[in-house]
Amino acid sequence: MSREKHPNDSRHSEKRRWREIQKICIEKALSAWPKMRRHWLLVGACGWMLLILMFVSKFINLRTFRVPNDYEGRTDMLFWTLPPVKTMKPPSAQQPDKAALQPSVVSSVTPSVVDPLDWQSVNMRRLELLSTVCRNVSLWNLTHTTLRKFVFDRIFVCDKHKILFCQTPKVGNTQWKKVLIVLNGKFSKVEVIPENLVHDHERNGLPRLSSLSDAEIRQRLNSYFKFFIVRDPFERLISAFKDKFVKNPRFEPWYKHDIAPAIIRKYRKSHHDDGESVGLRFEDFVRYLGDKTGRQRLDRQFGDHIIHWLTYAELCAPCDISYNVVGHHETLEHDAPYILKAAGIADLVSYPTIPPGITDYNHTKVERYFTGIRKRDVRRLYAHYQGDFSLFGYQRPDFLLD
């Protein structure tokens, strides 16, 4: 006799079938999950990459710019927008530029000596160092100056070839002025220019930037090729001292008869004993230059005659004017041809021949001049010229300071 099927049995059987179906579905879903997960991860990664690329593209567009070229092969590098007669305000002391606060890179006393074929790279490294030090908040007062008539008086103009040259005394600038005189058409070549004419600014045919209107000044600063030459700051001071107070050219009697006695009276303790007939000593000169506050009154009395020992920052405002080239006196035999080529005038004029060794840094001479001078006075002198040392990669003179 067959057993009659109970209604509960069919319900249990149906439940088992649904459980089996659910189990199969779950197993298939789990097996497919890794593939789906990889797919969505890939989609997410692509999305993030697109967002990053959009941000970077926008950032670059905001931060990178070039000034239109005015001659082949030249690129003006503006570190900031140049105001006509204002000095830039320093960055907030609370939020300094971290990169600019890093110790500045210094080179040997003959900076950037490399293969002559690579002078463009040398110049770019010099400009990069200059830009970095210019942003250093701790050196701001030593590297920035007001753009005013005094600075524009130092800059000579060659409109014909769109060139500006800032004169830094005691760095061999006479030859560069001869080059510009030729370019301006006053003479046909540098060798025939009379020496007494070069510095006669009424007759040498070299206009100064200060002779132009504000609009004309701005236009030239933003578009002309601009350069100047530097030298080890302490060796430059020695050259200025020798030229103005030891050799004392007859056509500049005020250095011996006015400036030297004033410095002696203020800074030589024993000037009543040996009188002023001994003449200015280098020790007196160092003490005068290192006196941060007392020197200002004398400088106002001396007028523009002090340009021979002013800092490069005070003379040419390298942090407030975007120069194309910074030449170095120590490597001038290589720098001069590069500057002529970069300015687009190499086929028009030549830089005068440089006698061998004349531009070399003379460690022995520097050491001899500073012998016997108190460390305190030398350290004060270095503090005054520290901006020049840092801006142009000249090594701190440890042998004089420590």
Protein backbone atom coordinates (compact mmCIF):
# COMPACT_ATOMS: atom_id res chain seq x y z
CA MET A 1 0.00 0.00 0.00
CA SER A 2 1.59 3.26 -1.10
CA ARG A 3 2.12 6.09 1.35
CA GLU A 4 0.05 9.21 0.67
CA LYS A 5 2.22 12.34 0.10
CA HIS A 6 1.92 14.87 2.92
CA PRO A 7 1.50 18.57 2.04
CA ASN A 8 4.45 19.50 4.29
CA ASP A 9 6.78 17.38 2.17
CA SER A 10 6.16 19.49 -0.93
CA ARG A 11 6.81 22.67 1.04
CA HIS A 12 10.11 21.32 2.37
CA SER A 13 11.12 20.25 -1.09
CA GLU A 14 10.37 23.68 -2.49
CA LYS A 15 12.41 25.36 0.21
CA ARG A 16 15.35 23.12 -0.55
CA ARG A 17 15.18 24.05 -4.22
CA TRP A 18 15.18 27.81 -3.41
CA ARG A 19 18.14 27.35 -1.06
CA GLU A 20 20.02 25.53 -3.79
CA ILE A 21 19.19 28.27 -6.28
CA GLN A 22 20.35 30.97 -3.79
CA LYS A 23 23.53 29.05 -3.13
CA ILE A 24 24.29 28.80 -6.84
CA CYS A 25 23.60 32.53 -7.34
CA ILE A 26 25.84 33.49 -4.42
CA GLU A 27 28.66 31.27 -5.68
CA LYS A 28 28.45 32.80 -9.17
CA ALA A 29 28.34 36.34 -7.75
CA LEU A 30 31.39 35.64 -5.57
CA SER A 31 33.31 34.15 -8.46
CA ALA A 32 32.54 37.22 -10.64
CA TRP A 33 33.38 39.79 -7.93
CA PRO A 34 37.19 39.95 -8.44
CA LYS A 35 36.74 40.77 -12.12
CA MET A 36 34.14 43.45 -11.35
CA ARG A 37 36.33 44.86 -8.59
CA ARG A 38 39.32 45.21 -10.93
CA HIS A 39 37.10 46.90 -13.47
CA TRP A 40 35.82 49.52 -11.02
CA LEU A 41 39.29 50.10 -9.57
CA LEU A 42 40.59 50.80 -13.09
CA VAL A 43 37.73 53.20 -13.75
CA GLY A 44 38.42 54.99 -10.45
CA ALA A 45 42.17 55.27 -11.13
CA CYS A 46 41.54 56.78 -14.56
CA GLY A 47 39.23 59.32 -13.00
CA TRP A 48 41.83 60.38 -10.45
CA MET A 49 44.51 60.70 -13.16
CA LEU A 50 42.27 62.98 -15.21
CA LEU A 51 41.66 65.20 -12.19
CA ILE A 52 45.40 65.41 -11.41
CA LEU A 53 46.29 66.25 -15.02
CA MET A 54 43.67 69.00 -15.12
CA PHE A 55 45.06 70.52 -11.91
CA VAL A 56 48.70 70.38 -13.03
CA SER A 57 47.85 71.89 -16.42
CA LYS A 58 46.08 74.79 -14.75
CA PHE A 59 48.97 75.29 -12.30
CA ILE A 60 51.56 75.41 -15.08
CA ASN A 61 49.54 77.91 -17.06
CA LEU A 62 49.39 80.18 -14.04
CA ARG A 63 53.05 79.92 -13.05
CA THR A 64 54.96 79.80 -16.34
CA PHE A 65 55.34 82.70 -18.71
CA ARG A 66 57.81 84.14 -21.16
CA VAL A 67 58.49 87.64 -22.37
CA PRO A 68 58.42 87.97 -26.17
CA ASN A 69 61.88 87.65 -27.70
CA ASP A 70 63.49 90.69 -29.26
CA TYR A 71 66.42 88.84 -30.78
CA GLU A 72 67.22 85.30 -31.87
CA GLY A 73 68.13 82.87 -29.13
CA ARG A 74 67.24 85.14 -26.23
CA THR A 75 64.68 84.51 -23.52
CA ASP A 76 63.93 87.15 -20.90
CA MET A 77 63.39 85.63 -17.47
CA LEU A 78 61.27 87.93 -15.35
CA PHE A 79 61.24 86.90 -11.72
CA TRP A 80 58.32 89.20 -11.06
CA THR A 81 56.51 92.14 -12.65
CA LEU A 82 58.81 95.14 -12.59
CA PRO A 83 57.43 98.35 -11.08
CA PRO A 84 58.90 101.54 -12.58
CA VAL A 85 60.21 103.28 -9.46
CA LYS A 86 59.17 101.11 -6.52
CA THR A 87 61.01 98.54 -4.45
CA MET A 88 59.26 95.22 -3.99
CA LYS A 89 57.89 94.47 -0.57
CA PRO A 90 59.56 91.49 1.12
CA PRO A 91 57.60 88.27 1.61
CA SER A 92 55.77 87.84 4.91
CA ALA A 93 58.16 86.91 7.70
CA GLN A 94 55.58 84.46 8.97
CA GLN A 95 55.46 82.54 5.69
CA PRO A 96 58.95 82.66 4.13
CA ASP A 97 59.86 80.85 0.95
CA LYS A 98 61.33 77.57 2.22
CA ALA A 99 63.50 77.07 -0.84
CA ALA A 100 64.96 80.55 -0.54
CA LEU A 101 65.84 80.00 3.11
CA GLN A 102 68.08 77.07 2.27
CA PRO A 103 71.84 77.86 2.39
CA SER A 104 72.81 79.49 -0.88
CA VAL A 105 75.04 77.48 -3.20
CA VAL A 106 78.51 78.97 -3.38
CA SER A 107 81.24 78.27 -5.83
CA SER A 108 84.98 78.74 -5.69
CA VAL A 109 86.54 82.16 -6.00
CA THR A 110 86.58 81.62 -9.74
CA PRO A 111 82.87 80.92 -10.18
CA SER A 112 81.37 78.56 -12.70
CA VAL A 113 84.54 77.51 -14.51
CA VAL A 114 83.46 74.89 -17.03
CA ASP A 115 83.94 74.03 -20.68
CA PRO A 116 83.60 77.27 -22.71
CA LEU A 117 81.05 75.54 -24.95
CA ASP A 118 78.66 75.33 -22.01
CA TRP A 119 78.54 79.00 -21.03
CA GLN A 120 74.82 79.25 -21.65
CA SER A 121 74.27 76.63 -18.94
CA VAL A 122 76.70 78.52 -16.71
CA ASN A 123 74.72 81.72 -17.11
CA MET A 124 71.43 79.95 -16.41
CA ARG A 125 72.83 78.54 -13.16
CA ARG A 126 74.01 82.00 -12.18
CA LEU A 127 70.55 83.44 -12.82
CA GLU A 128 68.90 80.62 -10.88
CA LEU A 129 71.16 81.26 -7.89
CA LEU A 130 70.46 84.98 -8.16
CA SER A 131 66.71 84.35 -8.18
CA THR A 132 66.91 82.02 -5.16
CA VAL A 133 68.96 84.44 -3.04
CA CYS A 134 66.69 87.33 -4.05
CA ARG A 135 63.79 85.49 -2.39
CA ASN A 136 65.73 84.91 0.83
CA VAL A 137 63.91 86.96 3.47
CA SER A 138 66.92 87.04 5.81
CA LEU A 139 69.06 88.79 3.14
CA TRP A 140 66.31 91.04 1.75
CA ASN A 141 67.79 94.34 2.99
CA LEU A 142 71.18 93.40 1.49
CA THR A 143 69.89 92.36 -1.93
CA HIS A 144 67.05 94.75 -2.82
CA THR A 145 67.07 98.47 -3.51
CA THR A 146 64.70 101.16 -4.69
CA LEU A 147 64.55 101.63 -8.44
CA ARG A 148 65.39 105.31 -8.65
CA LYS A 149 67.45 107.80 -10.64
CA PHE A 150 70.67 106.73 -8.91
CA VAL A 151 70.32 103.17 -10.27
CA PHE A 152 69.20 104.36 -13.71
CA ASP A 153 72.30 106.62 -13.85
CA ARG A 154 74.44 103.46 -13.74
CA ILE A 155 72.71 101.87 -16.77
CA PHE A 156 73.88 102.80 -20.28
CA VAL A 157 71.61 102.44 -23.30
CA CYS A 158 72.19 101.25 -26.85
CA ASP A 159 68.84 101.70 -28.58
CA LYS A 160 70.16 100.62 -31.97
CA HIS A 161 70.80 97.07 -30.74
CA LYS A 162 68.42 97.07 -27.75
CA ILE A 163 71.06 96.65 -25.04
CA LEU A 164 71.31 97.90 -21.45
CA PHE A 165 74.61 97.71 -19.57
CA CYS A 166 74.86 98.44 -15.84
CA GLN A 167 78.26 99.75 -14.82
CA THR A 168 79.86 98.26 -11.70
CA PRO A 169 83.09 100.21 -11.02
CA LYS A 170 86.43 98.39 -10.55
CA VAL A 171 85.31 95.35 -12.57
CA GLY A 172 86.85 96.25 -15.95
CA ASN A 173 83.86 98.25 -17.18
CA THR A 174 85.92 100.65 -19.30
CA GLN A 175 86.19 98.03 -22.05
CA TRP A 176 82.44 97.37 -22.08
CA LYS A 177 81.77 101.09 -22.38
CA LYS A 178 84.07 101.13 -25.40
CA VAL A 179 82.02 98.30 -26.94
CA LEU A 180 78.82 100.31 -26.50
CA ILE A 181 80.44 103.48 -27.87
CA VAL A 182 81.27 101.58 -31.07
CA LEU A 183 77.75 100.11 -31.28
CA ASN A 184 76.26 103.59 -30.91
CA GLY A 185 78.31 104.70 -33.90
CA LYS A 186 80.62 107.18 -32.19
CA PHE A 187 83.76 105.27 -33.30
CA SER A 188 84.35 102.42 -35.75
CA LYS A 189 86.35 100.15 -33.39
CA VAL A 190 87.38 100.06 -29.73
CA GLU A 191 91.11 100.44 -30.38
CA VAL A 192 90.76 104.02 -31.68
CA ILE A 193 88.71 105.38 -28.77
CA PRO A 194 90.75 107.87 -26.66
CA GLU A 195 90.97 106.80 -23.01
CA ASN A 196 90.03 110.25 -21.74
CA LEU A 197 86.80 110.13 -23.75
CA VAL A 198 85.45 106.84 -22.34
CA HIS A 199 84.40 108.34 -19.01
CA ASP A 200 83.43 111.73 -20.41
CA HIS A 201 79.70 111.20 -20.43
CA GLU A 202 79.05 114.50 -22.18
CA ARG A 203 81.00 113.45 -25.27
CA ASN A 204 81.18 109.62 -25.42
CA GLY A 205 77.76 109.14 -27.00
CA LEU A 206 76.43 106.84 -24.23
CA PRO A 207 72.97 107.87 -23.01
CA ARG A 208 71.92 106.78 -19.54
CA LEU A 209 68.61 105.16 -18.71
CA SER A 210 67.88 108.04 -16.32
CA SER A 211 67.68 110.45 -19.27
CA LEU A 212 64.45 108.79 -20.48
CA SER A 213 60.84 109.08 -19.36
CA ASP A 214 59.27 106.58 -16.97
CA ALA A 215 57.39 104.90 -19.82
CA GLU A 216 60.57 104.65 -21.92
CA ILE A 217 62.47 103.21 -18.96
CA ARG A 218 59.82 100.56 -18.36
CA GLN A 219 59.72 99.60 -22.03
CA ARG A 220 63.50 99.11 -22.20
CA LEU A 221 63.76 97.25 -18.90
CA ASN A 222 61.09 94.81 -20.05
CA SER A 223 62.40 94.17 -23.56
CA TYR A 224 66.12 95.01 -23.97
CA PHE A 225 69.07 92.67 -23.43
CA LYS A 226 70.48 93.52 -19.99
CA PHE A 227 73.81 92.55 -18.44
CA PHE A 228 76.47 93.55 -15.92
CA ILE A 229 79.76 92.19 -14.56
CA VAL A 230 80.70 91.23 -10.98
CA ARG A 231 83.91 90.40 -9.15
CA ASP A 232 84.89 88.95 -5.78
CA PRO A 233 83.59 91.70 -3.44
CA PHE A 234 86.70 91.97 -1.25
CA GLU A 235 89.11 92.02 -4.20
CA ARG A 236 86.97 94.74 -5.77
CA LEU A 237 87.30 96.83 -2.57
CA ILE A 238 91.08 96.45 -2.70
CA SER A 239 91.08 97.64 -6.33
CA ALA A 240 88.95 100.66 -5.42
CA PHE A 241 91.21 101.54 -2.49
CA LYS A 242 94.39 101.29 -4.60
CA ASP A 243 92.95 103.31 -7.47
CA LYS A 244 91.36 106.12 -5.48
CA PHE A 245 93.56 106.47 -2.39
CA VAL A 246 96.98 105.09 -3.34
CA LYS A 247 97.42 105.94 -7.03
CA ASN A 248 94.88 108.79 -6.76
CA PRO A 249 94.41 110.01 -10.35
CA ARG A 250 95.11 113.72 -10.70
CA PHE A 251 91.72 114.33 -12.31
CA GLU A 252 89.98 113.05 -9.13
CA PRO A 253 91.69 115.02 -6.32
CA TRP A 254 88.67 114.87 -4.02
CA TYR A 255 89.44 111.29 -2.95
CA LYS A 256 92.77 112.32 -1.45
CA HIS A 257 91.90 115.83 -0.26
CA ASP A 258 88.31 115.43 0.92
CA ILE A 259 87.18 111.83 1.38
CA ALA A 260 90.37 110.33 2.87
CA PRO A 261 90.77 113.01 5.62
CA ALA A 262 87.10 112.66 6.61
CA ILE A 263 87.44 108.87 7.02
CA ILE A 264 90.72 109.25 8.96
CA ARG A 265 89.23 111.78 11.39
CA LYS A 266 86.30 109.50 12.17
CA TYR A 267 87.86 106.03 12.14
CA ARG A 268 91.57 106.31 12.97
CA LYS A 269 91.99 106.46 16.73
CA SER A 270 95.55 107.83 16.57
CA HIS A 271 95.09 110.38 13.80
CA HIS A 272 96.11 113.22 16.13
CA ASP A 273 99.50 111.56 16.67
CA ASP A 274 100.64 110.76 13.15
CA GLY A 275 98.51 113.37 11.38
CA GLU A 276 96.70 112.90 8.11
CA SER A 277 99.90 113.08 6.05
CA VAL A 278 100.27 109.29 6.30
CA GLY A 279 97.25 108.99 4.07
CA LEU A 280 94.30 106.64 4.28
CA ARG A 281 95.15 103.11 5.37
CA PHE A 282 93.23 100.06 4.20
CA GLU A 283 92.38 99.40 7.86
CA ASP A 284 90.66 102.81 8.05
CA PHE A 285 88.79 102.05 4.82
CA VAL A 286 87.57 98.68 6.18
CA ARG A 287 86.43 100.23 9.45
CA TYR A 288 84.52 102.94 7.58
CA LEU A 289 82.77 100.45 5.25
CA GLY A 290 81.82 98.13 8.10
CA ASP A 291 80.22 100.87 10.18
CA LYS A 292 76.55 100.28 9.36
CA THR A 293 75.14 103.45 10.91
CA GLY A 294 78.04 105.90 11.17
CA ARG A 295 78.95 105.56 7.48
CA GLN A 296 75.65 106.98 6.23
CA ARG A 297 76.39 110.57 7.25
CA LEU A 298 79.77 110.50 5.49
CA ASP A 299 78.26 108.91 2.39
CA ARG A 300 75.77 111.76 2.07
CA GLN A 301 78.70 114.15 2.29
CA PHE A 302 80.73 112.21 -0.32
CA GLY A 303 77.87 112.05 -2.84
CA ASP A 304 78.15 109.84 -5.93
CA HIS A 305 81.91 109.41 -5.44
CA ILE A 306 81.15 106.37 -3.27
CA ILE A 307 79.94 104.32 -6.27
CA HIS A 308 83.35 102.61 -6.43
CA TRP A 309 82.63 100.67 -3.22
CA LEU A 310 78.84 100.44 -3.15
CA THR A 311 77.39 96.92 -3.31
CA TYR A 312 76.23 95.44 -6.61
CA ALA A 313 72.71 95.41 -5.20
CA GLU A 314 72.84 99.18 -4.60
CA LEU A 315 74.34 99.88 -8.03
CA CYS A 316 72.38 97.63 -10.40
CA ALA A 317 69.37 96.32 -8.43
CA PRO A 318 69.82 92.71 -9.67
CA CYS A 319 66.85 91.53 -7.58
CA ASP A 320 64.56 94.23 -8.96
CA ILE A 321 65.65 94.20 -12.62
CA SER A 322 65.65 90.93 -14.57
CA TYR A 323 69.09 90.77 -16.22
CA ASN A 324 69.80 88.33 -19.05
CA VAL A 325 73.46 87.77 -18.25
CA VAL A 326 75.67 88.16 -15.18
CA GLY A 327 79.32 88.07 -16.23
CA HIS A 328 82.18 87.31 -13.84
CA HIS A 329 85.47 89.18 -13.92
CA GLU A 330 87.34 85.99 -13.00
CA THR A 331 86.11 84.21 -16.16
CA LEU A 332 85.83 87.23 -18.43
CA GLU A 333 87.88 85.73 -21.26
CA HIS A 334 85.07 83.19 -21.69
CA ASP A 335 82.15 85.39 -20.61
CA ALA A 336 82.88 88.30 -22.95
CA PRO A 337 82.45 86.34 -26.24
CA TYR A 338 79.30 84.71 -24.84
CA ILE A 339 77.80 88.07 -23.89
CA LEU A 340 78.47 89.47 -27.36
CA LYS A 341 76.87 86.42 -28.95
CA ALA A 342 73.87 86.42 -26.59
CA ALA A 343 73.28 90.11 -27.34
CA GLY A 344 73.43 89.44 -31.09
CA ILE A 345 76.43 91.73 -31.70
CA ALA A 346 79.33 89.25 -32.01
CA ASP A 347 79.69 90.03 -35.73
CA LEU A 348 79.71 93.79 -35.16
CA VAL A 349 82.28 94.37 -32.41
CA SER A 350 84.98 92.51 -30.48
CA TYR A 351 85.87 92.73 -26.82
CA PRO A 352 89.46 94.01 -26.35
CA THR A 353 92.13 91.39 -25.74
CA ILE A 354 92.51 90.44 -22.07
CA PRO A 355 96.14 90.04 -20.89
CA PRO A 356 96.76 86.54 -19.43
CA GLY A 357 96.12 86.23 -15.71
CA ILE A 358 94.89 89.78 -15.21
CA THR A 359 91.39 88.68 -14.21
CA ASP A 360 92.47 85.82 -11.91
CA TYR A 361 91.51 85.99 -8.24
CA ASN A 362 94.62 86.80 -6.17
CA HIS A 363 94.30 85.04 -2.81
CA THR A 364 97.76 86.21 -1.69
CA LYS A 365 96.98 89.86 -2.38
CA VAL A 366 93.68 89.71 -0.49
CA GLU A 367 95.32 88.01 2.49
CA ARG A 368 98.15 90.57 2.52
CA TYR A 369 95.82 93.57 2.54
CA PHE A 370 93.76 92.17 5.42
CA THR A 371 96.76 91.19 7.53
CA GLY A 372 96.68 92.97 10.90
CA ILE A 373 93.06 94.09 10.62
CA ARG A 374 90.92 93.05 13.58
CA LYS A 375 88.56 90.12 12.98
CA ARG A 376 85.69 92.18 14.33
CA ASP A 377 86.19 94.81 11.62
CA VAL A 378 86.52 92.18 8.89
CA ARG A 379 83.33 90.44 10.05
CA ARG A 380 81.46 93.76 9.99
CA LEU A 381 82.75 94.36 6.47
CA TYR A 382 81.58 90.91 5.36
CA ALA A 383 78.15 91.52 6.93
CA HIS A 384 77.81 94.62 4.73
CA TYR A 385 78.77 92.74 1.52
CA GLN A 386 77.21 89.37 2.38
CA GLY A 387 74.42 89.98 -0.13
CA ASP A 388 76.96 90.33 -2.97
CA PHE A 389 78.80 87.18 -1.91
CA SER A 390 75.55 85.18 -1.83
CA LEU A 391 73.88 86.58 -4.96
CA PHE A 392 76.78 85.73 -7.24
CA GLY A 393 78.14 82.54 -5.70
CA TYR A 394 81.35 83.91 -4.20
CA GLN A 395 82.75 81.82 -1.40
CA ARG A 396 82.71 83.14 2.13
CA PRO A 397 86.32 84.19 2.92
CA ASP A 398 86.78 81.88 5.91
CA PHE A 399 90.54 82.51 5.91
CA LEU A 400 89.83 86.12 6.89
CA LEU A 401 86.80 85.69 9.15
CA ASP A 402 87.55 82.66 11.34
